[in-house]
Amino acid sequence: MSTKKYILLIPALVIALFACNQEKAKKLSIDKLVNGAEQFEGKRIETEGMAVHFCGAGKKKLKLKSEEGSAVKVIPSNLLLHFSAKYNHKKLKIVGRVDIERVERSFIDQVNSEKTLLCHIDHTPCIDEEWVKRKQETGVADSLSSVEVKSLRDKMQKSGKDYITVVTILADEIEIIKD
């Protein structure tokens, strides 16, 4: 075989290997994913939902919600990429790997005592400094923090656990399926 044929054959083999090794995504509703999060951790899934909140500050996460109200956090699997506002308030199809994070009771207690404003997507401290400053200046920061703490505590009480589970999809593919 000539050198030219090897040069053409090698990229084709590499592409074929990656295509064969790509785990097939399991189609799931957001509700089923959230309710059985632990069994899907590390697995590749496909789901659909409405992008109801987009982090304009970091552009690295969005909140995807089902019609029944369950929600997951979506971040790009390639951390060099970021989301644009074009996804906000659109129905999306997401394919990616599931990760689970916990928001512990001790963290919620700390948020309560410090009156920290949290991200609406994953309950971490909000990184939008301008938004936080506006809420502090208008005097609503403490009440917003209290409402979020109450909501998180209610979720813990309802689940009977000392933590809140945040389901994250590390998205390889994002497609707008309905404007």
N, C-alpha and C. Protein backbone atom coordinates (compact mmCIF):
# COMPACT_ATOMS: atom_id res chain seq x y z
N MET A 1 0.85 -1.18 0.00
CA MET A 1 0.00 0.00 0.00
C MET A 1 0.89 1.24 0.00
N SER A 2 0.53 2.23 -0.76
CA SER A 2 1.36 3.43 -0.85
C SER A 2 1.16 4.32 0.36
N THR A 3 2.10 5.24 0.56
CA THR A 3 2.06 6.17 1.69
C THR A 3 0.81 7.04 1.64
N LYS A 4 0.39 7.45 0.44
CA LYS A 4 -0.80 8.29 0.30
C LYS A 4 -2.04 7.57 0.83
N LYS A 5 -2.14 6.28 0.56
CA LYS A 5 -3.30 5.52 1.02
C LYS A 5 -3.31 5.41 2.55
N TYR A 6 -2.13 5.24 3.17
CA TYR A 6 -2.04 5.21 4.63
C TYR A 6 -2.47 6.55 5.23
N ILE A 7 -2.05 7.62 4.60
CA ILE A 7 -2.40 8.96 5.10
C ILE A 7 -3.91 9.15 5.08
N LEU A 8 -4.58 8.64 4.08
CA LEU A 8 -6.03 8.74 4.00
C LEU A 8 -6.72 7.75 4.92
N LEU A 9 -6.11 6.60 5.12
CA LEU A 9 -6.71 5.55 5.93
C LEU A 9 -6.69 5.87 7.42
N ILE A 10 -5.62 6.47 7.90
CA ILE A 10 -5.47 6.74 9.34
C ILE A 10 -6.58 7.67 9.86
N PRO A 11 -6.86 8.83 9.24
CA PRO A 11 -7.96 9.66 9.76
C PRO A 11 -9.31 8.94 9.73
N ALA A 12 -9.54 8.14 8.70
CA ALA A 12 -10.80 7.40 8.61
C ALA A 12 -10.92 6.41 9.76
N LEU A 13 -9.83 5.74 10.10
CA LEU A 13 -9.85 4.80 11.23
C LEU A 13 -10.08 5.51 12.55
N VAL A 14 -9.46 6.65 12.74
CA VAL A 14 -9.64 7.42 13.98
C VAL A 14 -11.10 7.84 14.12
N ILE A 15 -11.69 8.35 13.06
CA ILE A 15 -13.11 8.76 13.10
C ILE A 15 -13.99 7.55 13.40
N ALA A 16 -13.72 6.43 12.77
CA ALA A 16 -14.51 5.22 13.00
C ALA A 16 -14.40 4.75 14.45
N LEU A 17 -13.20 4.81 15.03
CA LEU A 17 -13.02 4.41 16.42
C LEU A 17 -13.83 5.29 17.36
N PHE A 18 -13.79 6.60 17.15
CA PHE A 18 -14.55 7.50 18.01
C PHE A 18 -16.04 7.28 17.84
N ALA A 19 -16.49 7.05 16.64
CA ALA A 19 -17.91 6.82 16.39
C ALA A 19 -18.38 5.54 17.08
N CYS A 20 -17.56 4.51 17.07
CA CYS A 20 -17.93 3.24 17.71
C CYS A 20 -17.92 3.35 19.23
N ASN A 21 -17.03 4.17 19.78
CA ASN A 21 -16.89 4.29 21.23
C ASN A 21 -17.91 5.25 21.84
N GLN A 22 -18.62 6.02 21.04
CA GLN A 22 -19.58 6.99 21.56
C GLN A 22 -20.76 6.24 22.17
N GLU A 23 -20.95 6.39 23.45
CA GLU A 23 -22.06 5.75 24.16
C GLU A 23 -23.38 6.33 23.65
N LYS A 24 -24.33 5.47 23.37
CA LYS A 24 -25.64 5.93 22.91
C LYS A 24 -26.37 6.60 24.07
N ALA A 25 -26.96 7.73 23.79
CA ALA A 25 -27.68 8.49 24.81
C ALA A 25 -29.05 7.87 25.07
N LYS A 26 -29.39 7.71 26.35
CA LYS A 26 -30.71 7.20 26.74
C LYS A 26 -31.68 8.38 26.80
N LYS A 27 -32.82 8.26 26.11
CA LYS A 27 -33.83 9.32 26.12
C LYS A 27 -34.60 9.26 27.43
N LEU A 28 -34.65 10.41 28.12
CA LEU A 28 -35.35 10.51 29.41
C LEU A 28 -36.08 11.83 29.50
N SER A 29 -37.17 11.84 30.24
CA SER A 29 -37.79 13.12 30.58
C SER A 29 -36.99 13.74 31.72
N ILE A 30 -37.08 15.04 31.85
CA ILE A 30 -36.40 15.72 32.96
C ILE A 30 -36.93 15.19 34.28
N ASP A 31 -38.23 14.95 34.36
CA ASP A 31 -38.84 14.47 35.60
C ASP A 31 -38.25 13.11 36.01
N LYS A 32 -38.12 12.20 35.06
CA LYS A 32 -37.55 10.88 35.36
C LYS A 32 -36.08 11.02 35.76
N LEU A 33 -35.37 11.91 35.08
CA LEU A 33 -33.96 12.14 35.40
C LEU A 33 -33.81 12.67 36.83
N VAL A 34 -34.60 13.67 37.19
CA VAL A 34 -34.51 14.26 38.53
C VAL A 34 -34.92 13.25 39.60
N ASN A 35 -35.97 12.50 39.35
CA ASN A 35 -36.46 11.54 40.35
C ASN A 35 -35.53 10.34 40.54
N GLY A 36 -34.75 9.99 39.52
CA GLY A 36 -33.84 8.86 39.64
C GLY A 36 -32.40 9.25 39.36
N ALA A 37 -32.04 10.44 39.80
CA ALA A 37 -30.74 11.03 39.45
C ALA A 37 -29.55 10.11 39.71
N GLU A 38 -29.53 9.46 40.86
CA GLU A 38 -28.37 8.65 41.22
C GLU A 38 -28.13 7.52 40.22
N GLN A 39 -29.19 6.92 39.69
CA GLN A 39 -29.00 5.81 38.76
C GLN A 39 -28.51 6.26 37.39
N PHE A 40 -28.61 7.57 37.10
CA PHE A 40 -28.15 8.07 35.80
C PHE A 40 -26.82 8.82 35.89
N GLU A 41 -26.28 8.94 37.10
CA GLU A 41 -25.01 9.67 37.26
C GLU A 41 -23.92 9.02 36.40
N GLY A 42 -23.23 9.85 35.63
CA GLY A 42 -22.16 9.38 34.76
C GLY A 42 -22.63 8.84 33.42
N LYS A 43 -23.95 8.71 33.27
CA LYS A 43 -24.51 8.16 32.03
C LYS A 43 -24.79 9.28 31.02
N ARG A 44 -24.78 8.90 29.76
CA ARG A 44 -25.09 9.82 28.67
C ARG A 44 -26.59 9.76 28.40
N ILE A 45 -27.25 10.92 28.43
CA ILE A 45 -28.70 10.96 28.27
C ILE A 45 -29.08 12.02 27.23
N GLU A 46 -30.34 11.93 26.80
CA GLU A 46 -30.94 12.94 25.93
C GLU A 46 -32.25 13.35 26.58
N THR A 47 -32.50 14.65 26.66
CA THR A 47 -33.74 15.13 27.25
C THR A 47 -34.15 16.43 26.57
N GLU A 48 -35.38 16.84 26.84
CA GLU A 48 -35.92 18.08 26.29
C GLU A 48 -36.57 18.89 27.39
N GLY A 49 -36.52 20.20 27.24
CA GLY A 49 -37.18 21.07 28.19
C GLY A 49 -37.05 22.52 27.77
N MET A 50 -37.65 23.38 28.56
CA MET A 50 -37.63 24.81 28.30
C MET A 50 -36.49 25.47 29.08
N ALA A 51 -35.67 26.24 28.38
CA ALA A 51 -34.61 27.00 29.05
C ALA A 51 -35.27 28.20 29.71
N VAL A 52 -35.40 28.16 31.03
CA VAL A 52 -36.14 29.21 31.75
C VAL A 52 -35.24 30.25 32.39
N HIS A 53 -33.95 29.96 32.49
CA HIS A 53 -33.02 30.95 33.06
C HIS A 53 -31.64 30.72 32.48
N PHE A 54 -31.01 31.80 32.10
CA PHE A 54 -29.69 31.76 31.49
C PHE A 54 -28.79 32.66 32.32
N CYS A 55 -27.63 32.17 32.72
CA CYS A 55 -26.70 32.98 33.51
C CYS A 55 -25.98 33.94 32.57
N GLY A 56 -26.39 35.19 32.60
CA GLY A 56 -25.78 36.20 31.75
C GLY A 56 -24.42 36.64 32.23
N ALA A 57 -24.12 36.40 33.50
CA ALA A 57 -22.83 36.83 34.05
C ALA A 57 -21.71 35.91 33.60
N GLY A 58 -21.85 34.63 33.84
CA GLY A 58 -20.79 33.69 33.49
C GLY A 58 -20.97 33.03 32.14
N LYS A 59 -22.23 33.02 31.67
CA LYS A 59 -22.58 32.41 30.39
C LYS A 59 -22.19 30.93 30.31
N LYS A 60 -22.12 30.28 31.48
CA LYS A 60 -21.70 28.88 31.52
C LYS A 60 -22.81 27.93 31.98
N LYS A 61 -23.99 28.47 32.29
CA LYS A 61 -25.03 27.56 32.76
C LYS A 61 -26.41 28.11 32.43
N LEU A 62 -27.34 27.16 32.30
CA LEU A 62 -28.74 27.52 32.12
C LEU A 62 -29.60 26.51 32.86
N LYS A 63 -30.83 26.91 33.12
CA LYS A 63 -31.79 26.05 33.83
C LYS A 63 -32.79 25.54 32.81
N LEU A 64 -32.91 24.21 32.73
CA LEU A 64 -33.83 23.56 31.82
C LEU A 64 -34.96 22.95 32.64
N LYS A 65 -36.20 23.28 32.28
CA LYS A 65 -37.34 22.88 33.10
C LYS A 65 -38.34 22.07 32.28
N SER A 66 -38.95 21.10 32.95
CA SER A 66 -40.00 20.28 32.32
C SER A 66 -41.33 21.00 32.45
N GLU A 67 -42.33 20.51 31.74
CA GLU A 67 -43.68 21.08 31.86
C GLU A 67 -44.25 20.85 33.25
N GLU A 68 -43.78 19.80 33.94
CA GLU A 68 -44.26 19.48 35.29
C GLU A 68 -43.51 20.24 36.37
N GLY A 69 -42.45 20.96 36.01
CA GLY A 69 -41.75 21.80 36.98
C GLY A 69 -40.39 21.31 37.45
N SER A 70 -40.00 20.09 37.09
CA SER A 70 -38.66 19.61 37.46
C SER A 70 -37.62 20.39 36.67
N ALA A 71 -36.45 20.61 37.28
CA ALA A 71 -35.42 21.41 36.62
C ALA A 71 -34.04 20.78 36.77
N VAL A 72 -33.21 20.99 35.75
CA VAL A 72 -31.82 20.56 35.77
C VAL A 72 -30.94 21.73 35.34
N LYS A 73 -29.70 21.66 35.77
CA LYS A 73 -28.67 22.63 35.36
C LYS A 73 -27.99 22.06 34.12
N VAL A 74 -27.72 22.92 33.15
CA VAL A 74 -27.01 22.50 31.94
C VAL A 74 -25.77 23.36 31.80
N ILE A 75 -24.62 22.70 31.62
CA ILE A 75 -23.37 23.41 31.35
C ILE A 75 -22.72 22.77 30.13
N PRO A 76 -21.91 23.52 29.39
CA PRO A 76 -21.24 22.91 28.24
C PRO A 76 -20.17 21.92 28.71
N SER A 77 -20.04 20.80 28.00
CA SER A 77 -19.02 19.82 28.38
C SER A 77 -17.62 20.35 28.11
N ASN A 78 -17.49 21.24 27.15
CA ASN A 78 -16.22 21.89 26.86
C ASN A 78 -16.22 23.22 27.60
N LEU A 79 -15.44 23.33 28.65
CA LEU A 79 -15.46 24.52 29.50
C LEU A 79 -14.95 25.77 28.81
N LEU A 80 -14.38 25.63 27.62
CA LEU A 80 -13.95 26.82 26.87
C LEU A 80 -15.13 27.47 26.16
N LEU A 81 -16.23 26.73 26.03
CA LEU A 81 -17.42 27.26 25.37
C LEU A 81 -18.32 27.96 26.38
N HIS A 82 -19.24 28.76 25.87
CA HIS A 82 -20.23 29.40 26.74
C HIS A 82 -21.56 29.47 25.99
N PHE A 83 -22.63 29.68 26.75
CA PHE A 83 -23.96 29.78 26.17
C PHE A 83 -24.22 31.22 25.76
N SER A 84 -25.10 31.37 24.79
CA SER A 84 -25.55 32.71 24.43
C SER A 84 -27.02 32.83 24.83
N ALA A 85 -27.50 34.05 24.88
CA ALA A 85 -28.88 34.30 25.28
C ALA A 85 -29.88 33.74 24.28
N LYS A 86 -29.42 33.31 23.10
CA LYS A 86 -30.35 32.77 22.10
C LYS A 86 -31.09 31.53 22.60
N TYR A 87 -30.54 30.85 23.61
CA TYR A 87 -31.19 29.65 24.16
C TYR A 87 -32.28 29.99 25.17
N ASN A 88 -32.24 31.19 25.74
CA ASN A 88 -33.17 31.55 26.80
C ASN A 88 -34.61 31.57 26.29
N HIS A 89 -35.49 30.94 27.04
CA HIS A 89 -36.92 30.85 26.74
C HIS A 89 -37.21 30.09 25.45
N LYS A 90 -36.36 29.10 25.15
CA LYS A 90 -36.54 28.24 23.99
C LYS A 90 -36.65 26.79 24.48
N LYS A 91 -37.40 25.99 23.72
CA LYS A 91 -37.44 24.56 24.01
C LYS A 91 -36.18 23.95 23.40
N LEU A 92 -35.43 23.21 24.22
CA LEU A 92 -34.15 22.67 23.80
C LEU A 92 -34.11 21.15 23.91
N LYS A 93 -33.32 20.56 23.03
CA LYS A 93 -32.94 19.15 23.17
C LYS A 93 -31.48 19.16 23.61
N ILE A 94 -31.20 18.45 24.70
CA ILE A 94 -29.86 18.40 25.27
C ILE A 94 -29.39 16.95 25.28
N VAL A 95 -28.15 16.74 24.84
CA VAL A 95 -27.51 15.42 24.94
C VAL A 95 -26.22 15.63 25.71
N GLY A 96 -26.03 14.83 26.76
CA GLY A 96 -24.82 14.97 27.55
C GLY A 96 -24.75 13.98 28.69
N ARG A 97 -23.75 14.15 29.53
CA ARG A 97 -23.48 13.25 30.64
C ARG A 97 -24.03 13.86 31.94
N VAL A 98 -24.61 13.01 32.79
CA VAL A 98 -25.25 13.45 34.03
C VAL A 98 -24.22 13.52 35.16
N ASP A 99 -24.29 14.61 35.91
CA ASP A 99 -23.49 14.78 37.12
C ASP A 99 -24.44 15.20 38.23
N ILE A 100 -24.08 14.87 39.45
CA ILE A 100 -24.92 15.22 40.60
C ILE A 100 -24.09 16.00 41.61
N GLU A 101 -24.67 17.08 42.10
CA GLU A 101 -24.04 17.88 43.16
C GLU A 101 -25.04 17.99 44.30
N ARG A 102 -24.52 18.23 45.48
CA ARG A 102 -25.40 18.39 46.65
C ARG A 102 -25.21 19.76 47.27
N VAL A 103 -26.32 20.33 47.69
CA VAL A 103 -26.31 21.55 48.49
C VAL A 103 -26.67 21.09 49.90
N GLU A 104 -25.68 21.12 50.78
CA GLU A 104 -25.84 20.59 52.14
C GLU A 104 -26.56 21.58 53.06
N ARG A 105 -27.21 21.05 54.10
CA ARG A 105 -27.91 21.88 55.09
C ARG A 105 -26.98 22.91 55.71
N SER A 106 -25.74 22.53 55.99
CA SER A 106 -24.79 23.46 56.62
C SER A 106 -24.53 24.67 55.72
N PHE A 107 -24.48 24.46 54.41
CA PHE A 107 -24.30 25.57 53.48
C PHE A 107 -25.53 26.48 53.49
N ILE A 108 -26.71 25.88 53.52
CA ILE A 108 -27.95 26.67 53.56
C ILE A 108 -28.02 27.48 54.84
N ASP A 109 -27.59 26.90 55.96
CA ASP A 109 -27.54 27.64 57.23
C ASP A 109 -26.58 28.82 57.13
N GLN A 110 -25.45 28.62 56.48
CA GLN A 110 -24.47 29.70 56.29
C GLN A 110 -25.06 30.81 55.41
N VAL A 111 -25.73 30.43 54.34
CA VAL A 111 -26.39 31.40 53.46
C VAL A 111 -27.40 32.21 54.25
N ASN A 112 -28.15 31.54 55.11
CA ASN A 112 -29.16 32.21 55.92
C ASN A 112 -28.52 33.24 56.85
N SER A 113 -27.42 32.89 57.49
CA SER A 113 -26.80 33.83 58.43
C SER A 113 -26.10 34.98 57.71
N GLU A 114 -25.55 34.72 56.51
CA GLU A 114 -24.83 35.76 55.77
C GLU A 114 -25.72 36.52 54.78
N LYS A 115 -26.95 36.05 54.59
CA LYS A 115 -27.89 36.66 53.64
C LYS A 115 -27.32 36.72 52.22
N THR A 116 -26.67 35.64 51.83
CA THR A 116 -26.06 35.53 50.49
C THR A 116 -27.15 35.38 49.44
N LEU A 117 -26.99 36.04 48.31
CA LEU A 117 -27.90 35.85 47.18
C LEU A 117 -27.38 34.69 46.34
N LEU A 118 -28.29 33.76 46.04
CA LEU A 118 -27.90 32.54 45.34
C LEU A 118 -28.32 32.56 43.87
N CYS A 119 -27.59 31.79 43.09
CA CYS A 119 -27.92 31.57 41.68
C CYS A 119 -29.24 30.81 41.61
N HIS A 120 -30.09 31.21 40.68
CA HIS A 120 -31.39 30.56 40.51
C HIS A 120 -31.26 29.19 39.84
N ILE A 121 -30.06 28.88 39.36
CA ILE A 121 -29.86 27.63 38.62
C ILE A 121 -29.35 26.52 39.53
N ASP A 122 -28.30 26.80 40.31
CA ASP A 122 -27.68 25.71 41.09
C ASP A 122 -27.48 26.03 42.57
N HIS A 123 -28.03 27.13 43.04
CA HIS A 123 -28.00 27.50 44.46
C HIS A 123 -26.59 27.76 44.98
N THR A 124 -25.68 28.17 44.11
CA THR A 124 -24.35 28.63 44.52
C THR A 124 -24.41 30.14 44.63
N PRO A 125 -23.46 30.79 45.31
CA PRO A 125 -23.49 32.25 45.40
C PRO A 125 -23.51 32.88 44.00
N CYS A 126 -24.40 33.85 43.82
CA CYS A 126 -24.55 34.52 42.53
C CYS A 126 -23.26 35.25 42.17
N ILE A 127 -22.82 35.10 40.91
CA ILE A 127 -21.59 35.77 40.47
C ILE A 127 -21.87 37.06 39.71
N ASP A 128 -23.14 37.41 39.55
CA ASP A 128 -23.50 38.65 38.86
C ASP A 128 -23.42 39.80 39.87
N GLU A 129 -22.23 40.36 40.00
CA GLU A 129 -21.97 41.38 41.02
C GLU A 129 -22.86 42.61 40.87
N GLU A 130 -23.15 43.01 39.64
CA GLU A 130 -24.02 44.18 39.42
C GLU A 130 -25.43 43.91 39.92
N TRP A 131 -25.97 42.73 39.62
CA TRP A 131 -27.31 42.37 40.07
C TRP A 131 -27.36 42.33 41.59
N VAL A 132 -26.36 41.69 42.21
CA VAL A 132 -26.30 41.59 43.67
C VAL A 132 -26.25 42.99 44.27
N LYS A 133 -25.42 43.86 43.72
CA LYS A 133 -25.28 45.23 44.23
C LYS A 133 -26.61 45.98 44.13
N ARG A 134 -27.31 45.84 43.00
CA ARG A 134 -28.62 46.51 42.84
C ARG A 134 -29.61 46.03 43.88
N LYS A 135 -29.63 44.73 44.14
CA LYS A 135 -30.56 44.18 45.13
C LYS A 135 -30.22 44.67 46.54
N GLN A 136 -28.93 44.80 46.83
CA GLN A 136 -28.52 45.32 48.13
C GLN A 136 -28.89 46.79 48.26
N GLU A 137 -28.64 47.56 47.21
CA GLU A 137 -28.93 49.00 47.24
C GLU A 137 -30.42 49.30 47.35
N THR A 138 -31.26 48.45 46.75
CA THR A 138 -32.70 48.67 46.82
C THR A 138 -33.33 48.06 48.06
N GLY A 139 -32.52 47.37 48.87
CA GLY A 139 -33.00 46.83 50.14
C GLY A 139 -33.76 45.53 50.05
N VAL A 140 -33.69 44.84 48.92
CA VAL A 140 -34.44 43.59 48.79
C VAL A 140 -33.55 42.34 48.90
N ALA A 141 -32.25 42.52 49.02
CA ALA A 141 -31.33 41.37 49.05
C ALA A 141 -31.64 40.41 50.19
N ASP A 142 -31.84 40.94 51.39
CA ASP A 142 -32.10 40.07 52.54
C ASP A 142 -33.38 39.25 52.37
N SER A 143 -34.44 39.90 51.87
CA SER A 143 -35.70 39.17 51.70
C SER A 143 -35.59 38.13 50.58
N LEU A 144 -34.87 38.44 49.51
CA LEU A 144 -34.65 37.45 48.45
C LEU A 144 -33.88 36.25 48.97
N SER A 145 -32.86 36.51 49.77
CA SER A 145 -32.08 35.43 50.36
C SER A 145 -32.95 34.58 51.28
N SER A 146 -33.76 35.22 52.09
CA SER A 146 -34.64 34.49 53.02
C SER A 146 -35.64 33.61 52.27
N VAL A 147 -36.20 34.12 51.18
CA VAL A 147 -37.15 33.34 50.38
C VAL A 147 -36.46 32.10 49.80
N GLU A 148 -35.24 32.27 49.29
CA GLU A 148 -34.49 31.15 48.72
C GLU A 148 -34.15 30.11 49.80
N VAL A 149 -33.72 30.58 50.97
CA VAL A 149 -33.40 29.66 52.07
C VAL A 149 -34.64 28.87 52.48
N LYS A 150 -35.77 29.55 52.59
CA LYS A 150 -37.02 28.86 52.96
C LYS A 150 -37.38 27.81 51.91
N SER A 151 -37.25 28.16 50.65
CA SER A 151 -37.55 27.22 49.58
C SER A 151 -36.66 25.98 49.65
N LEU A 152 -35.37 26.19 49.88
CA LEU A 152 -34.44 25.06 49.97
C LEU A 152 -34.73 24.20 51.20
N ARG A 153 -35.03 24.84 52.32
CA ARG A 153 -35.37 24.08 53.54
C ARG A 153 -36.65 23.28 53.35
N ASP A 154 -37.64 23.89 52.67
CA ASP A 154 -38.88 23.17 52.39
C ASP A 154 -38.62 21.93 51.52
N LYS A 155 -37.75 22.08 50.52
CA LYS A 155 -37.40 20.93 49.67
C LYS A 155 -36.72 19.83 50.48
N MET A 156 -35.83 20.23 51.40
CA MET A 156 -35.16 19.23 52.24
C MET A 156 -36.17 18.51 53.12
N GLN A 157 -37.07 19.27 53.72
CA GLN A 157 -38.06 18.67 54.61
C GLN A 157 -38.94 17.70 53.82
N LYS A 158 -39.35 18.11 52.63
CA LYS A 158 -40.21 17.25 51.79
C LYS A 158 -39.49 15.96 51.41
N SER A 159 -38.19 16.05 51.13
CA SER A 159 -37.43 14.86 50.72
C SER A 159 -36.97 14.01 51.90
N GLY A 160 -36.95 14.61 53.10
CA GLY A 160 -36.46 13.89 54.27
C GLY A 160 -34.94 13.76 54.30
N LYS A 161 -34.25 14.58 53.52
CA LYS A 161 -32.79 14.52 53.46
C LYS A 161 -32.19 15.84 53.94
N ASP A 162 -30.91 15.79 54.32
CA ASP A 162 -30.20 16.99 54.77
C ASP A 162 -29.47 17.69 53.64
N TYR A 163 -29.95 17.51 52.44
CA TYR A 163 -29.32 18.14 51.28
C TYR A 163 -30.33 18.25 50.15
N ILE A 164 -30.00 19.09 49.19
CA ILE A 164 -30.75 19.23 47.95
C ILE A 164 -29.87 18.66 46.84
N THR A 165 -30.44 17.86 45.98
CA THR A 165 -29.69 17.32 44.85
C THR A 165 -29.85 18.25 43.65
N VAL A 166 -28.73 18.66 43.08
CA VAL A 166 -28.73 19.47 41.86
C VAL A 166 -28.24 18.55 40.74
N VAL A 167 -29.13 18.29 39.79
CA VAL A 167 -28.79 17.43 38.65
C VAL A 167 -28.24 18.33 37.55
N THR A 168 -27.05 17.96 37.06
CA THR A 168 -26.38 18.73 36.02
C THR A 168 -26.18 17.86 34.79
N ILE A 169 -26.40 18.44 33.63
CA ILE A 169 -26.07 17.77 32.37
C ILE A 169 -24.89 18.51 31.75
N LEU A 170 -23.79 17.80 31.54
CA LEU A 170 -22.64 18.35 30.84
C LEU A 170 -22.91 18.13 29.36
N ALA A 171 -23.40 19.17 28.70
CA ALA A 171 -23.96 19.05 27.35
C ALA A 171 -22.91 18.97 26.26
N ASP A 172 -23.03 17.90 25.46
CA ASP A 172 -22.22 17.76 24.24
C ASP A 172 -22.97 18.35 23.05
N GLU A 173 -24.30 18.25 23.10
CA GLU A 173 -25.14 18.73 22.00
C GLU A 173 -26.30 19.54 22.57
N ILE A 174 -26.56 20.67 21.93
CA ILE A 174 -27.71 21.50 22.30
C ILE A 174 -28.38 21.92 21.00
N GLU A 175 -29.69 21.70 20.96
CA GLU A 175 -30.43 22.04 19.74
C GLU A 175 -31.71 22.76 20.14
N ILE A 176 -32.00 23.87 19.49
CA ILE A 176 -33.28 24.56 19.69
C ILE A 176 -34.31 23.79 18.88
N ILE A 177 -35.35 23.29 19.57
CA ILE A 177 -36.37 22.53 18.85
C ILE A 177 -37.67 23.30 18.71
N LYS A 178 -37.79 24.41 19.47
CA LYS A 178 -38.98 25.24 19.34
C LYS A 178 -38.66 26.64 19.84
N ASP A 179 -38.91 27.62 18.97
CA ASP A 179 -38.68 29.03 19.37
C ASP A 179 -39.81 29.54 20.21
